[in-house]
Amino acid sequence: MTPPSTHTSPLTDKWYHGTDAAPFVAWTFPPPAPSPADLAHTALFFTTNRAFAEGAGKTICTVEIKPDIAVITPALGGSQSTELRKSLLKSNPLAARCTWLSDDDTWIRSWKTGEVMRFACDMSDPTSTLLVSKGLALVEANLRKIIASPVSDAVIKDQAMQCLTRAWIEQIVVESRKLGYQAILGTEIDRWGGHAAPPAEPWLAILDPTAVSAPNWL
C-alpha cells in the first residue's frame, strides 16, 4: 500500500455541513441515513460553500479539520490516485464498469469536474446494462417494502437512482478507508443551486471521527 499523503493547506478553510436534523453535540459514526429509504454512508461530508451546504439542509454548522490527517486528493493524480482507482475497479462487478475508472486521465478529470460523484457507465454495453438493471430492480423491490405509503413508479425509480449514487460514493469511501486515508478531498457538481451550468463545489469526506472537531452550529 502506498503511504497516505497529508495535504493540510485546503483543510484550514472553513468547512460547512448542512442537515435537516436538530443540532447535536457530537458526530455519530457512522452517521444515520436521512431516511429509512436511503442507503447509509460511513463518512461525513462538508463543503466550503455555505449555500451549497444548505442544499443538504438548512441547519448549518462549521468544523475544524485536524492537522496532518491522511488525505487523498484524487484530482492531483499520481500513484495514490491510481491506487484508489484500481482498488475500486476490483471492488465489485458494477463498479468495474464505471466510466470514471476507465483510465487515469478520465479518473482525474472526473474529480476536477465533480462528475465522479454520479455513477456512469456505457449503457450500450450489454454487461453494464444487465448489472445496472439487476441492481436497480433489487433496490426498487426493497424500497417498496420500506416505504409505507403508496408512491408512483416514477418516485420509486428516482429514489433507486439516488441509492445507486449513494452506493457509488460509499464504495469510494470504503476503498479509501481500506488504503489508510482519513479524508478524501474533491469536488461535487452543484445540482441544487439552479445554475444553467452547475459549478463544481469543494467537497470533503471525513472517514475517521478523530479527524474532525465537534460541530459548531451557526
C-alpha atoms as a PDB file:
ATOM      1  CA  MET A   1       0.000   0.000   0.000  1.00  0.00           C
ATOM      2  CA  THR A   2       1.221   3.487  -0.845  1.00  0.00           C
ATOM      3  CA  PRO A   3       1.780   5.521   2.356  1.00  0.00           C
ATOM      4  CA  PRO A   4      -1.018   8.074   2.781  1.00  0.00           C
ATOM      5  CA  SER A   5      -0.146  11.679   1.992  1.00  0.00           C
ATOM      6  CA  THR A   6      -1.033  14.730   4.046  1.00  0.00           C
ATOM      7  CA  HIS A   7      -2.435  17.861   2.428  1.00  0.00           C
ATOM      8  CA  THR A   8      -3.111  20.403   5.135  1.00  0.00           C
ATOM      9  CA  SER A   9      -3.496  23.738   3.335  1.00  0.00           C
ATOM     10  CA  PRO A  10      -7.050  23.349   1.860  1.00  0.00           C
ATOM     11  CA  LEU A  11      -8.203  21.839   5.149  1.00  0.00           C
ATOM     12  CA  THR A  12      -7.623  25.099   7.027  1.00  0.00           C
ATOM     13  CA  ASP A  13     -10.581  26.655   5.162  1.00  0.00           C
ATOM     14  CA  LYS A  14     -13.982  26.945   6.839  1.00  0.00           C
ATOM     15  CA  TRP A  15     -15.923  23.742   6.134  1.00  0.00           C
ATOM     16  CA  TYR A  16     -19.734  23.679   6.327  1.00  0.00           C
ATOM     17  CA  HIS A  17     -22.170  20.821   6.864  1.00  0.00           C
ATOM     18  CA  GLY A  18     -25.916  21.081   6.240  1.00  0.00           C
ATOM     19  CA  THR A  19     -28.626  18.903   7.745  1.00  0.00           C
ATOM     20  CA  ASP A  20     -32.369  18.857   8.396  1.00  0.00           C
ATOM     21  CA  ALA A  21     -31.759  17.275  11.800  1.00  0.00           C
ATOM     22  CA  ALA A  22     -31.815  19.221  15.059  1.00  0.00           C
ATOM     23  CA  PRO A  23     -28.379  20.411  16.274  1.00  0.00           C
ATOM     24  CA  PHE A  24     -26.388  17.781  18.163  1.00  0.00           C
ATOM     25  CA  VAL A  25     -23.324  17.851  20.389  1.00  0.00           C
ATOM     26  CA  ALA A  26     -21.124  15.210  18.742  1.00  0.00           C
ATOM     27  CA  TRP A  27     -20.907  13.380  15.444  1.00  0.00           C
ATOM     28  CA  THR A  28     -22.291   9.867  15.164  1.00  0.00           C
ATOM     29  CA  PHE A  29     -20.091   7.433  13.258  1.00  0.00           C
ATOM     30  CA  PRO A  30     -21.377   6.042  11.053  1.00  0.00           C
ATOM     31  CA  PRO A  31     -23.917   8.863  10.623  1.00  0.00           C
ATOM     32  CA  PRO A  32     -27.604   7.949  10.387  1.00  0.00           C
ATOM     33  CA  ALA A  33     -29.235   7.788   6.970  1.00  0.00           C
ATOM     34  CA  PRO A  34     -31.512  10.731   6.074  1.00  0.00           C
ATOM     35  CA  SER A  35     -34.467   8.317   5.907  1.00  0.00           C
ATOM     36  CA  PRO A  36     -35.108   4.552   6.059  1.00  0.00           C
ATOM     37  CA  ALA A  37     -35.248   4.558   2.256  1.00  0.00           C
ATOM     38  CA  ASP A  38     -31.725   5.970   1.920  1.00  0.00           C
ATOM     39  CA  LEU A  39     -28.502   3.994   1.934  1.00  0.00           C
ATOM     40  CA  ALA A  40     -26.457   4.987   4.989  1.00  0.00           C
ATOM     41  CA  HIS A  41     -22.990   6.438   4.470  1.00  0.00           C
ATOM     42  CA  THR A  42     -19.989   5.739   6.692  1.00  0.00           C
ATOM     43  CA  ALA A  43     -18.482   9.203   6.220  1.00  0.00           C
ATOM     44  CA  LEU A  44     -19.350  12.838   6.950  1.00  0.00           C
ATOM     45  CA  PHE A  45     -19.481  15.337   4.100  1.00  0.00           C
ATOM     46  CA  PHE A  46     -18.511  19.010   4.072  1.00  0.00           C
ATOM     47  CA  THR A  47     -18.053  21.909   1.657  1.00  0.00           C
ATOM     48  CA  THR A  48     -16.529  25.383   1.839  1.00  0.00           C
ATOM     49  CA  ASN A  49     -19.614  26.868   0.130  1.00  0.00           C
ATOM     50  CA  ARG A  50     -22.324  27.581   2.711  1.00  0.00           C
ATOM     51  CA  ALA A  51     -25.052  27.938   0.073  1.00  0.00           C
ATOM     52  CA  PHE A  52     -24.142  24.513  -1.316  1.00  0.00           C
ATOM     53  CA  ALA A  53     -24.242  23.019   2.204  1.00  0.00           C
ATOM     54  CA  GLU A  54     -27.747  24.458   2.641  1.00  0.00           C
ATOM     55  CA  GLY A  55     -28.866  22.283  -0.266  1.00  0.00           C
ATOM     56  CA  ALA A  56     -28.468  19.305   2.083  1.00  0.00           C
ATOM     57  CA  GLY A  57     -30.266  21.017   4.975  1.00  0.00           C
ATOM     58  CA  LYS A  58     -30.885  24.454   6.433  1.00  0.00           C
ATOM     59  CA  THR A  59     -29.337  23.649   9.826  1.00  0.00           C
ATOM     60  CA  ILE A  60     -25.688  24.591   9.311  1.00  0.00           C
ATOM     61  CA  CYS A  61     -22.513  24.015  11.288  1.00  0.00           C
ATOM     62  CA  THR A  62     -18.809  24.524  10.726  1.00  0.00           C
ATOM     63  CA  VAL A  63     -15.946  22.272  11.795  1.00  0.00           C
ATOM     64  CA  GLU A  64     -12.206  22.350  12.126  1.00  0.00           C
ATOM     65  CA  ILE A  65     -10.250  19.619  10.368  1.00  0.00           C
ATOM     66  CA  LYS A  66      -7.448  18.179  12.465  1.00  0.00           C
ATOM     67  CA  PRO A  67      -3.960  18.964  11.148  1.00  0.00           C
ATOM     68  CA  ASP A  68      -1.769  16.356   9.466  1.00  0.00           C
ATOM     69  CA  ILE A  69      -4.501  13.822   8.822  1.00  0.00           C
ATOM     70  CA  ALA A  70      -4.066  11.348   5.949  1.00  0.00           C
ATOM     71  CA  VAL A  71      -5.929  12.861   2.980  1.00  0.00           C
ATOM     72  CA  ILE A  72      -6.206  11.628  -0.578  1.00  0.00           C
ATOM     73  CA  THR A  73      -6.868  14.145  -3.372  1.00  0.00           C
ATOM     74  CA  PRO A  74      -7.529  12.013  -6.465  1.00  0.00           C
ATOM     75  CA  ALA A  75      -7.581  15.055  -8.789  1.00  0.00           C
ATOM     76  CA  LEU A  76      -3.852  15.518  -8.154  1.00  0.00           C
ATOM     77  CA  GLY A  77      -3.108  12.244  -9.930  1.00  0.00           C
ATOM     78  CA  GLY A  78      -0.018  10.222  -9.098  1.00  0.00           C
ATOM     79  CA  SER A  79       0.429   6.757  -7.636  1.00  0.00           C
ATOM     80  CA  GLN A  80      -2.015   7.240  -4.753  1.00  0.00           C
ATOM     81  CA  SER A  81      -4.822   8.339  -7.072  1.00  0.00           C
ATOM     82  CA  THR A  82      -4.124   5.398  -9.394  1.00  0.00           C
ATOM     83  CA  GLU A  83      -4.082   3.021  -6.442  1.00  0.00           C
ATOM     84  CA  LEU A  84      -7.578   4.131  -5.403  1.00  0.00           C
ATOM     85  CA  ARG A  85      -8.874   3.827  -8.974  1.00  0.00           C
ATOM     86  CA  LYS A  86      -7.545   0.277  -9.270  1.00  0.00           C
ATOM     87  CA  SER A  87      -8.917  -0.633  -5.859  1.00  0.00           C
ATOM     88  CA  LEU A  88     -12.381   0.487  -6.975  1.00  0.00           C
ATOM     89  CA  LEU A  89     -12.075  -1.492 -10.205  1.00  0.00           C
ATOM     90  CA  LYS A  90     -11.602  -4.645  -8.149  1.00  0.00           C
ATOM     91  CA  SER A  91     -14.264  -3.831  -5.534  1.00  0.00           C
ATOM     92  CA  ASN A  92     -17.367  -5.214  -7.278  1.00  0.00           C
ATOM     93  CA  PRO A  93     -18.589  -6.060 -10.813  1.00  0.00           C
ATOM     94  CA  LEU A  94     -20.733  -2.938 -11.233  1.00  0.00           C
ATOM     95  CA  ALA A  95     -18.025  -0.560 -10.018  1.00  0.00           C
ATOM     96  CA  ALA A  96     -15.661  -2.180 -12.521  1.00  0.00           C
ATOM     97  CA  ARG A  97     -17.911  -0.905 -15.347  1.00  0.00           C
ATOM     98  CA  CYS A  98     -17.812   2.717 -14.164  1.00  0.00           C
ATOM     99  CA  THR A  99     -16.799   5.180 -16.877  1.00  0.00           C
ATOM    100  CA  TRP A 100     -14.679   7.256 -14.472  1.00  0.00           C
ATOM    101  CA  LEU A 101     -12.402   4.295 -13.784  1.00  0.00           C
ATOM    102  CA  SER A 102     -11.507   3.747 -17.447  1.00  0.00           C
ATOM    103  CA  ASP A 103      -8.027   5.269 -17.195  1.00  0.00           C
ATOM    104  CA  ASP A 104      -6.047   7.741 -15.104  1.00  0.00           C
ATOM    105  CA  ASP A 105      -6.837  10.763 -17.295  1.00  0.00           C
ATOM    106  CA  THR A 106     -10.603  10.143 -17.158  1.00  0.00           C
ATOM    107  CA  TRP A 107     -10.416   9.486 -13.421  1.00  0.00           C
ATOM    108  CA  ILE A 108      -8.521  12.705 -12.672  1.00  0.00           C
ATOM    109  CA  ARG A 109     -10.759  14.803 -14.917  1.00  0.00           C
ATOM    110  CA  SER A 110     -13.919  13.453 -13.263  1.00  0.00           C
ATOM    111  CA  TRP A 111     -12.608  14.519  -9.846  1.00  0.00           C
ATOM    112  CA  LYS A 112     -11.843  18.011 -11.141  1.00  0.00           C
ATOM    113  CA  THR A 113     -15.314  18.435 -12.673  1.00  0.00           C
ATOM    114  CA  GLY A 114     -17.220  16.712  -9.865  1.00  0.00           C
ATOM    115  CA  GLU A 115     -18.743  14.200 -12.283  1.00  0.00           C
ATOM    116  CA  VAL A 116     -17.182  11.371 -10.289  1.00  0.00           C
ATOM    117  CA  MET A 117     -19.949  11.804  -7.684  1.00  0.00           C
ATOM    118  CA  ARG A 118     -22.506  10.370 -10.108  1.00  0.00           C
ATOM    119  CA  PHE A 119     -22.098   6.764 -11.219  1.00  0.00           C
ATOM    120  CA  ALA A 120     -21.911   6.423 -15.007  1.00  0.00           C
ATOM    121  CA  CYS A 121     -21.294   3.519 -17.343  1.00  0.00           C
ATOM    122  CA  ASP A 122     -21.665   2.651 -21.015  1.00  0.00           C
ATOM    123  CA  MET A 123     -25.314   1.589 -21.278  1.00  0.00           C
ATOM    124  CA  SER A 124     -24.723   0.355 -24.829  1.00  0.00           C
ATOM    125  CA  ASP A 125     -22.612  -2.404 -23.284  1.00  0.00           C
ATOM    126  CA  PRO A 126     -24.839  -5.443 -22.552  1.00  0.00           C
ATOM    127  CA  THR A 127     -22.977  -6.420 -19.376  1.00  0.00           C
ATOM    128  CA  SER A 128     -23.229  -2.905 -17.928  1.00  0.00           C
ATOM    129  CA  THR A 129     -26.920  -2.695 -18.808  1.00  0.00           C
ATOM    130  CA  LEU A 130     -27.619  -6.049 -17.165  1.00  0.00           C
ATOM    131  CA  LEU A 131     -25.724  -5.193 -13.973  1.00  0.00           C
ATOM    132  CA  VAL A 132     -27.405  -1.786 -13.626  1.00  0.00           C
ATOM    133  CA  SER A 133     -30.864  -3.227 -14.362  1.00  0.00           C
ATOM    134  CA  LYS A 134     -30.440  -6.019 -11.818  1.00  0.00           C
ATOM    135  CA  GLY A 135     -29.093  -3.638  -9.202  1.00  0.00           C
ATOM    136  CA  LEU A 136     -31.911  -1.127  -9.653  1.00  0.00           C
ATOM    137  CA  ALA A 137     -34.558  -3.870  -9.638  1.00  0.00           C
ATOM    138  CA  LEU A 138     -33.300  -5.131  -6.271  1.00  0.00           C
ATOM    139  CA  VAL A 139     -33.260  -1.608  -4.826  1.00  0.00           C
ATOM    140  CA  GLU A 140     -36.752  -0.839  -6.154  1.00  0.00           C
ATOM    141  CA  ALA A 141     -38.147  -4.037  -4.643  1.00  0.00           C
ATOM    142  CA  ASN A 142     -36.584  -3.179  -1.290  1.00  0.00           C
ATOM    143  CA  LEU A 143     -37.909   0.397  -1.417  1.00  0.00           C
ATOM    144  CA  ARG A 144     -41.460  -0.844  -1.965  1.00  0.00           C
ATOM    145  CA  LYS A 145     -41.131  -2.847   1.252  1.00  0.00           C
ATOM    146  CA  ILE A 146     -39.707   0.098   3.224  1.00  0.00           C
ATOM    147  CA  ILE A 147     -41.944   2.937   2.024  1.00  0.00           C
ATOM    148  CA  ALA A 148     -45.280   2.540   3.781  1.00  0.00           C
ATOM    149  CA  SER A 149     -47.409   4.992   1.800  1.00  0.00           C
ATOM    150  CA  PRO A 150     -48.332   4.296  -1.839  1.00  0.00           C
ATOM    151  CA  VAL A 151     -45.955   6.001  -4.270  1.00  0.00           C
ATOM    152  CA  SER A 152     -45.701   6.081  -8.039  1.00  0.00           C
ATOM    153  CA  ASP A 153     -43.283   4.012 -10.072  1.00  0.00           C
ATOM    154  CA  ALA A 154     -41.546   7.259 -11.078  1.00  0.00           C
ATOM    155  CA  VAL A 155     -40.841   8.136  -7.444  1.00  0.00           C
ATOM    156  CA  ILE A 156     -39.526   4.635  -6.737  1.00  0.00           C
ATOM    157  CA  LYS A 157     -37.247   4.727  -9.782  1.00  0.00           C
ATOM    158  CA  ASP A 158     -35.921   8.168  -8.837  1.00  0.00           C
ATOM    159  CA  GLN A 159     -35.219   7.006  -5.285  1.00  0.00           C
ATOM    160  CA  ALA A 160     -33.487   3.887  -6.636  1.00  0.00           C
ATOM    161  CA  MET A 161     -31.187   6.049  -8.774  1.00  0.00           C
ATOM    162  CA  GLN A 162     -30.341   8.114  -5.698  1.00  0.00           C
ATOM    163  CA  CYS A 163     -29.489   4.891  -3.861  1.00  0.00           C
ATOM    164  CA  LEU A 164     -27.200   3.889  -6.742  1.00  0.00           C
ATOM    165  CA  THR A 165     -25.415   7.232  -6.425  1.00  0.00           C
ATOM    166  CA  ARG A 166     -25.067   6.862  -2.662  1.00  0.00           C
ATOM    167  CA  ALA A 167     -23.770   3.302  -3.108  1.00  0.00           C
ATOM    168  CA  TRP A 168     -21.114   4.506  -5.554  1.00  0.00           C
ATOM    169  CA  ILE A 169     -19.946   7.303  -3.235  1.00  0.00           C
ATOM    170  CA  GLU A 170     -19.916   4.866  -0.330  1.00  0.00           C
ATOM    171  CA  GLN A 171     -17.724   2.484  -2.355  1.00  0.00           C
ATOM    172  CA  ILE A 172     -15.217   5.316  -2.845  1.00  0.00           C
ATOM    173  CA  VAL A 173     -15.319   5.928   0.915  1.00  0.00           C
ATOM    174  CA  VAL A 174     -14.829   2.247   1.747  1.00  0.00           C
ATOM    175  CA  GLU A 175     -11.909   1.729  -0.619  1.00  0.00           C
ATOM    176  CA  SER A 176     -10.206   4.949   0.531  1.00  0.00           C
ATOM    177  CA  ARG A 177     -10.506   3.878   4.158  1.00  0.00           C
ATOM    178  CA  LYS A 178      -9.019   0.465   3.308  1.00  0.00           C
ATOM    179  CA  LEU A 179      -5.994   2.254   1.869  1.00  0.00           C
ATOM    180  CA  GLY A 180      -5.452   4.102   5.142  1.00  0.00           C
ATOM    181  CA  TYR A 181      -6.945   7.511   4.424  1.00  0.00           C
ATOM    182  CA  GLN A 182      -8.904   9.590   6.929  1.00  0.00           C
ATOM    183  CA  ALA A 183     -10.360  12.011   4.390  1.00  0.00           C
ATOM    184  CA  ILE A 184     -10.996  12.499   0.671  1.00  0.00           C
ATOM    185  CA  LEU A 185     -10.734  15.932  -0.941  1.00  0.00           C
ATOM    186  CA  GLY A 186     -12.546  16.582  -4.205  1.00  0.00           C
ATOM    187  CA  THR A 187     -15.431  18.403  -5.863  1.00  0.00           C
ATOM    188  CA  GLU A 188     -19.135  17.758  -6.426  1.00  0.00           C
ATOM    189  CA  ILE A 189     -21.419  19.257  -9.063  1.00  0.00           C
ATOM    190  CA  ASP A 190     -23.940  21.668  -7.514  1.00  0.00           C
ATOM    191  CA  ARG A 191     -27.267  20.326  -8.794  1.00  0.00           C
ATOM    192  CA  TRP A 192     -29.299  22.211  -6.155  1.00  0.00           C
ATOM    193  CA  GLY A 193     -28.372  25.804  -6.998  1.00  0.00           C
ATOM    194  CA  GLY A 194     -30.442  26.215 -10.163  1.00  0.00           C
ATOM    195  CA  HIS A 195     -27.383  27.099 -12.249  1.00  0.00           C
ATOM    196  CA  ALA A 196     -27.546  26.917 -16.051  1.00  0.00           C
ATOM    197  CA  ALA A 197     -24.103  25.308 -15.928  1.00  0.00           C
ATOM    198  CA  PRO A 198     -23.778  23.743 -12.458  1.00  0.00           C
ATOM    199  CA  PRO A 199     -20.350  24.505 -10.945  1.00  0.00           C
ATOM    200  CA  ALA A 200     -18.061  22.046  -9.184  1.00  0.00           C
ATOM    201  CA  GLU A 201     -18.073  22.829  -5.470  1.00  0.00           C
ATOM    202  CA  PRO A 202     -15.388  21.855  -2.919  1.00  0.00           C
ATOM    203  CA  TRP A 203     -16.242  18.531  -1.259  1.00  0.00           C
ATOM    204  CA  LEU A 204     -14.627  16.817   1.698  1.00  0.00           C
ATOM    205  CA  ALA A 205     -15.416  13.359   3.051  1.00  0.00           C
ATOM    206  CA  ILE A 206     -14.262  12.623   6.583  1.00  0.00           C
ATOM    207  CA  LEU A 207     -13.765   8.883   7.071  1.00  0.00           C
ATOM    208  CA  ASP A 208     -12.424   8.934  10.635  1.00  0.00           C
ATOM    209  CA  PRO A 209     -14.218  10.610  13.569  1.00  0.00           C
ATOM    210  CA  THR A 210     -10.888  11.642  15.106  1.00  0.00           C
ATOM    211  CA  ALA A 211     -10.118  13.785  12.038  1.00  0.00           C
ATOM    212  CA  VAL A 212     -12.748  16.455  12.705  1.00  0.00           C
ATOM    213  CA  SER A 213     -13.859  18.709  15.568  1.00  0.00           C
ATOM    214  CA  ALA A 214     -17.317  18.716  17.132  1.00  0.00           C
ATOM    215  CA  PRO A 215     -19.911  20.719  15.174  1.00  0.00           C
ATOM    216  CA  ASN A 216     -20.171  24.453  15.738  1.00  0.00           C
ATOM    217  CA  TRP A 217     -23.779  25.373  14.946  1.00  0.00           C
ATOM    218  CA  LEU A 218     -24.425  28.731  13.305  1.00  0.00           C
END
